[in-house]
Amino acid sequence: MKHELAFQGLLAPSLLLCMAMGLILWTVIDRALTGTDMWRWFWRPPLARLALLAALIAATALGAPDFRAPDQGGDLSCSISAWR
């Protein structure tokens, strides 16, 4: 990853922010689905909840500038050869 978040001297990868945003979105969607009793239509509701969380984290990570392709406005100039 190219960017890090600095919080009181603690450096965290930018994927942590994507995970936090995904968790917030998941909480809102989960409460809405629980309130309408939609989870009863799934064979294994805990597995469906986990899949929803993984999909939301992936969706927020794909929207981050770190993970976009160069033709979509991202910067992938940091390659493996740059780490040597």
N, C-alpha and C. Protein backbone atom coordinates (compact mmCIF):
# COMPACT_ATOMS: atom_id res chain seq x y z
N MET A 1 0.84 -1.17 0.00
CA MET A 1 0.00 0.00 0.00
C MET A 1 0.88 1.23 0.00
N LYS A 2 0.38 2.23 -0.67
CA LYS A 2 1.17 3.45 -0.77
C LYS A 2 0.89 4.43 0.36
N HIS A 3 -0.33 4.47 0.83
CA HIS A 3 -0.71 5.48 1.81
C HIS A 3 -0.92 4.83 3.18
N GLU A 4 -0.60 5.59 4.20
CA GLU A 4 -0.83 5.15 5.57
C GLU A 4 -1.55 6.25 6.32
N LEU A 5 -2.32 5.87 7.29
CA LEU A 5 -3.01 6.83 8.14
C LEU A 5 -2.21 7.01 9.42
N ALA A 6 -1.95 8.24 9.76
CA ALA A 6 -1.21 8.53 10.99
C ALA A 6 -2.20 9.04 12.04
N PHE A 7 -2.27 8.35 13.15
CA PHE A 7 -3.16 8.74 14.23
C PHE A 7 -2.38 8.69 15.52
N GLN A 8 -2.00 9.84 16.04
CA GLN A 8 -1.24 10.00 17.27
C GLN A 8 0.02 9.13 17.27
N GLY A 9 0.74 9.15 16.16
CA GLY A 9 1.98 8.42 16.06
C GLY A 9 1.84 6.98 15.64
N LEU A 10 0.62 6.49 15.51
CA LEU A 10 0.37 5.12 15.10
C LEU A 10 0.06 5.11 13.61
N LEU A 11 0.85 4.36 12.84
CA LEU A 11 0.63 4.26 11.41
C LEU A 11 -0.21 3.03 11.10
N ALA A 12 -1.26 3.24 10.35
CA ALA A 12 -2.17 2.14 9.98
C ALA A 12 -2.34 2.15 8.47
N PRO A 13 -2.47 0.98 7.86
CA PRO A 13 -2.67 0.94 6.42
C PRO A 13 -4.02 1.56 6.03
N SER A 14 -4.11 2.05 4.81
CA SER A 14 -5.35 2.68 4.37
C SER A 14 -6.49 1.67 4.23
N LEU A 15 -6.16 0.41 4.16
CA LEU A 15 -7.21 -0.62 4.11
C LEU A 15 -8.01 -0.63 5.41
N LEU A 16 -7.42 -0.18 6.49
CA LEU A 16 -8.14 -0.09 7.77
C LEU A 16 -9.33 0.86 7.66
N LEU A 17 -9.14 1.97 6.94
CA LEU A 17 -10.23 2.91 6.73
C LEU A 17 -11.33 2.27 5.87
N CYS A 18 -10.93 1.51 4.86
CA CYS A 18 -11.92 0.80 4.03
C CYS A 18 -12.70 -0.21 4.87
N MET A 19 -12.02 -0.89 5.77
CA MET A 19 -12.69 -1.86 6.63
C MET A 19 -13.67 -1.15 7.58
N ALA A 20 -13.28 -0.01 8.09
CA ALA A 20 -14.16 0.74 8.99
C ALA A 20 -15.40 1.23 8.25
N MET A 21 -15.21 1.72 7.03
CA MET A 21 -16.36 2.18 6.24
C MET A 21 -17.27 1.01 5.88
N GLY A 22 -16.68 -0.13 5.54
CA GLY A 22 -17.47 -1.31 5.22
C GLY A 22 -18.25 -1.79 6.43
N LEU A 23 -17.65 -1.72 7.60
CA LEU A 23 -18.33 -2.14 8.83
C LEU A 23 -19.49 -1.22 9.16
N ILE A 24 -19.32 0.07 8.94
CA ILE A 24 -20.42 1.03 9.18
C ILE A 24 -21.57 0.76 8.21
N LEU A 25 -21.25 0.58 6.93
CA LEU A 25 -22.29 0.27 5.95
C LEU A 25 -22.98 -1.05 6.28
N TRP A 26 -22.20 -2.04 6.69
CA TRP A 26 -22.76 -3.35 7.04
C TRP A 26 -23.72 -3.23 8.22
N THR A 27 -23.36 -2.43 9.21
CA THR A 27 -24.23 -2.25 10.38
C THR A 27 -25.57 -1.65 9.98
N VAL A 28 -25.53 -0.64 9.11
CA VAL A 28 -26.77 0.00 8.66
C VAL A 28 -27.63 -1.00 7.88
N ILE A 29 -27.02 -1.71 6.92
CA ILE A 29 -27.77 -2.66 6.10
C ILE A 29 -28.26 -3.83 6.94
N ASP A 30 -27.44 -4.30 7.86
CA ASP A 30 -27.83 -5.42 8.72
C ASP A 30 -29.03 -5.06 9.58
N ARG A 31 -29.02 -3.87 10.14
CA ARG A 31 -30.16 -3.45 10.97
C ARG A 31 -31.43 -3.31 10.13
N ALA A 32 -31.27 -2.82 8.89
CA ALA A 32 -32.44 -2.69 8.01
C ALA A 32 -32.99 -4.07 7.65
N LEU A 33 -32.11 -5.02 7.35
CA LEU A 33 -32.57 -6.36 7.01
C LEU A 33 -33.13 -7.11 8.22
N THR A 34 -32.57 -6.83 9.39
CA THR A 34 -33.09 -7.46 10.60
C THR A 34 -34.47 -6.89 10.94
N GLY A 35 -34.63 -5.59 10.77
CA GLY A 35 -35.91 -4.96 11.07
C GLY A 35 -37.03 -5.43 10.17
N THR A 36 -36.70 -5.76 8.92
CA THR A 36 -37.71 -6.25 7.98
C THR A 36 -37.78 -7.77 7.96
N ASP A 37 -37.00 -8.42 8.81
CA ASP A 37 -36.97 -9.89 8.93
C ASP A 37 -36.60 -10.58 7.61
N MET A 38 -35.68 -9.98 6.87
CA MET A 38 -35.25 -10.56 5.58
C MET A 38 -34.23 -11.68 5.77
N TRP A 39 -33.56 -11.74 6.91
CA TRP A 39 -32.55 -12.77 7.11
C TRP A 39 -33.15 -14.18 7.16
N ARG A 40 -34.44 -14.29 7.40
CA ARG A 40 -35.06 -15.62 7.48
C ARG A 40 -35.09 -16.32 6.13
N TRP A 41 -34.89 -15.58 5.03
CA TRP A 41 -34.90 -16.18 3.70
C TRP A 41 -33.57 -16.84 3.35
N PHE A 42 -32.55 -16.66 4.18
CA PHE A 42 -31.24 -17.26 3.92
C PHE A 42 -31.12 -18.58 4.68
N TRP A 43 -30.43 -19.51 4.07
CA TRP A 43 -30.25 -20.83 4.68
C TRP A 43 -29.41 -20.71 5.95
N ARG A 44 -28.30 -19.98 5.85
CA ARG A 44 -27.43 -19.73 7.00
C ARG A 44 -27.25 -18.21 7.14
N PRO A 45 -28.07 -17.56 7.95
CA PRO A 45 -27.97 -16.11 8.10
C PRO A 45 -26.59 -15.60 8.54
N PRO A 46 -25.88 -16.27 9.47
CA PRO A 46 -24.55 -15.77 9.82
C PRO A 46 -23.58 -15.79 8.63
N LEU A 47 -23.69 -16.81 7.80
CA LEU A 47 -22.83 -16.88 6.62
C LEU A 47 -23.18 -15.78 5.61
N ALA A 48 -24.46 -15.49 5.47
CA ALA A 48 -24.89 -14.41 4.59
C ALA A 48 -24.42 -13.06 5.11
N ARG A 49 -24.45 -12.89 6.42
CA ARG A 49 -23.96 -11.63 7.02
C ARG A 49 -22.46 -11.46 6.79
N LEU A 50 -21.71 -12.55 6.93
CA LEU A 50 -20.27 -12.49 6.69
C LEU A 50 -19.96 -12.19 5.23
N ALA A 51 -20.72 -12.79 4.32
CA ALA A 51 -20.53 -12.54 2.89
C ALA A 51 -20.85 -11.08 2.56
N LEU A 52 -21.89 -10.54 3.17
CA LEU A 52 -22.24 -9.14 2.96
C LEU A 52 -21.13 -8.22 3.46
N LEU A 53 -20.57 -8.53 4.62
CA LEU A 53 -19.47 -7.73 5.15
C LEU A 53 -18.25 -7.78 4.23
N ALA A 54 -17.90 -8.96 3.75
CA ALA A 54 -16.76 -9.09 2.85
C ALA A 54 -16.99 -8.33 1.55
N ALA A 55 -18.20 -8.39 1.02
CA ALA A 55 -18.51 -7.68 -0.22
C ALA A 55 -18.45 -6.16 -0.02
N LEU A 56 -18.91 -5.68 1.12
CA LEU A 56 -18.87 -4.24 1.37
C LEU A 56 -17.44 -3.75 1.58
N ILE A 57 -16.61 -4.52 2.26
CA ILE A 57 -15.21 -4.14 2.43
C ILE A 57 -14.51 -4.12 1.08
N ALA A 58 -14.76 -5.11 0.24
CA ALA A 58 -14.16 -5.14 -1.09
C ALA A 58 -14.64 -3.97 -1.94
N ALA A 59 -15.92 -3.63 -1.84
CA ALA A 59 -16.45 -2.52 -2.62
C ALA A 59 -15.84 -1.18 -2.20
N THR A 60 -15.67 -0.98 -0.90
CA THR A 60 -15.05 0.27 -0.45
C THR A 60 -13.57 0.32 -0.79
N ALA A 61 -12.91 -0.84 -0.77
CA ALA A 61 -11.49 -0.87 -1.14
C ALA A 61 -11.29 -0.60 -2.63
N LEU A 62 -12.21 -1.08 -3.45
CA LEU A 62 -12.10 -0.82 -4.88
C LEU A 62 -12.34 0.65 -5.20
N GLY A 63 -13.07 1.34 -4.35
CA GLY A 63 -13.31 2.76 -4.56
C GLY A 63 -12.19 3.65 -4.07
N ALA A 64 -11.26 3.11 -3.31
CA ALA A 64 -10.15 3.88 -2.77
C ALA A 64 -9.12 4.17 -3.87
N PRO A 65 -8.46 5.31 -3.82
CA PRO A 65 -7.49 5.64 -4.86
C PRO A 65 -6.27 4.72 -4.87
N ASP A 66 -5.96 4.07 -3.76
CA ASP A 66 -4.82 3.16 -3.72
C ASP A 66 -5.01 1.96 -4.62
N PHE A 67 -6.25 1.53 -4.80
CA PHE A 67 -6.52 0.27 -5.47
C PHE A 67 -7.09 0.44 -6.87
N ARG A 68 -7.17 1.67 -7.39
CA ARG A 68 -7.70 1.89 -8.72
C ARG A 68 -6.60 1.78 -9.76
N ALA A 69 -6.99 1.40 -10.95
CA ALA A 69 -6.05 1.31 -12.06
C ALA A 69 -5.65 2.72 -12.51
N PRO A 70 -4.47 2.88 -13.15
CA PRO A 70 -4.02 4.21 -13.55
C PRO A 70 -4.98 4.92 -14.51
N ASP A 71 -5.67 4.18 -15.37
CA ASP A 71 -6.59 4.84 -16.30
C ASP A 71 -7.88 5.30 -15.61
N GLN A 72 -8.08 4.93 -14.37
CA GLN A 72 -9.25 5.36 -13.61
C GLN A 72 -8.88 6.41 -12.56
N GLY A 73 -7.71 6.98 -12.66
CA GLY A 73 -7.30 8.02 -11.74
C GLY A 73 -6.42 7.55 -10.60
N GLY A 74 -6.13 6.27 -10.52
CA GLY A 74 -5.26 5.75 -9.47
C GLY A 74 -3.81 5.83 -9.88
N ASP A 75 -2.92 5.58 -8.96
CA ASP A 75 -1.49 5.63 -9.24
C ASP A 75 -0.86 4.31 -8.82
N LEU A 76 -0.50 3.50 -9.80
CA LEU A 76 0.11 2.22 -9.51
C LEU A 76 1.60 2.23 -9.87
N SER A 77 2.25 3.36 -9.69
CA SER A 77 3.66 3.47 -10.04
C SER A 77 4.55 2.71 -9.05
N CYS A 78 4.02 2.36 -7.92
CA CYS A 78 4.76 1.61 -6.93
C CYS A 78 4.71 0.12 -7.27
N SER A 79 5.70 -0.36 -7.94
CA SER A 79 5.71 -1.75 -8.35
C SER A 79 6.66 -2.55 -7.47
N ILE A 80 6.77 -3.82 -7.73
CA ILE A 80 7.66 -4.68 -6.96
C ILE A 80 9.12 -4.24 -7.11
N SER A 81 9.47 -3.79 -8.31
CA SER A 81 10.85 -3.37 -8.53
C SER A 81 11.21 -2.13 -7.71
N ALA A 82 10.20 -1.34 -7.35
CA ALA A 82 10.46 -0.14 -6.54
C ALA A 82 10.80 -0.50 -5.10
N TRP A 83 10.45 -1.69 -4.66
CA TRP A 83 10.73 -2.10 -3.29
C TRP A 83 12.14 -2.65 -3.12
N ARG A 84 12.82 -2.92 -4.21
CA ARG A 84 14.17 -3.48 -4.10
C ARG A 84 15.20 -2.43 -3.86
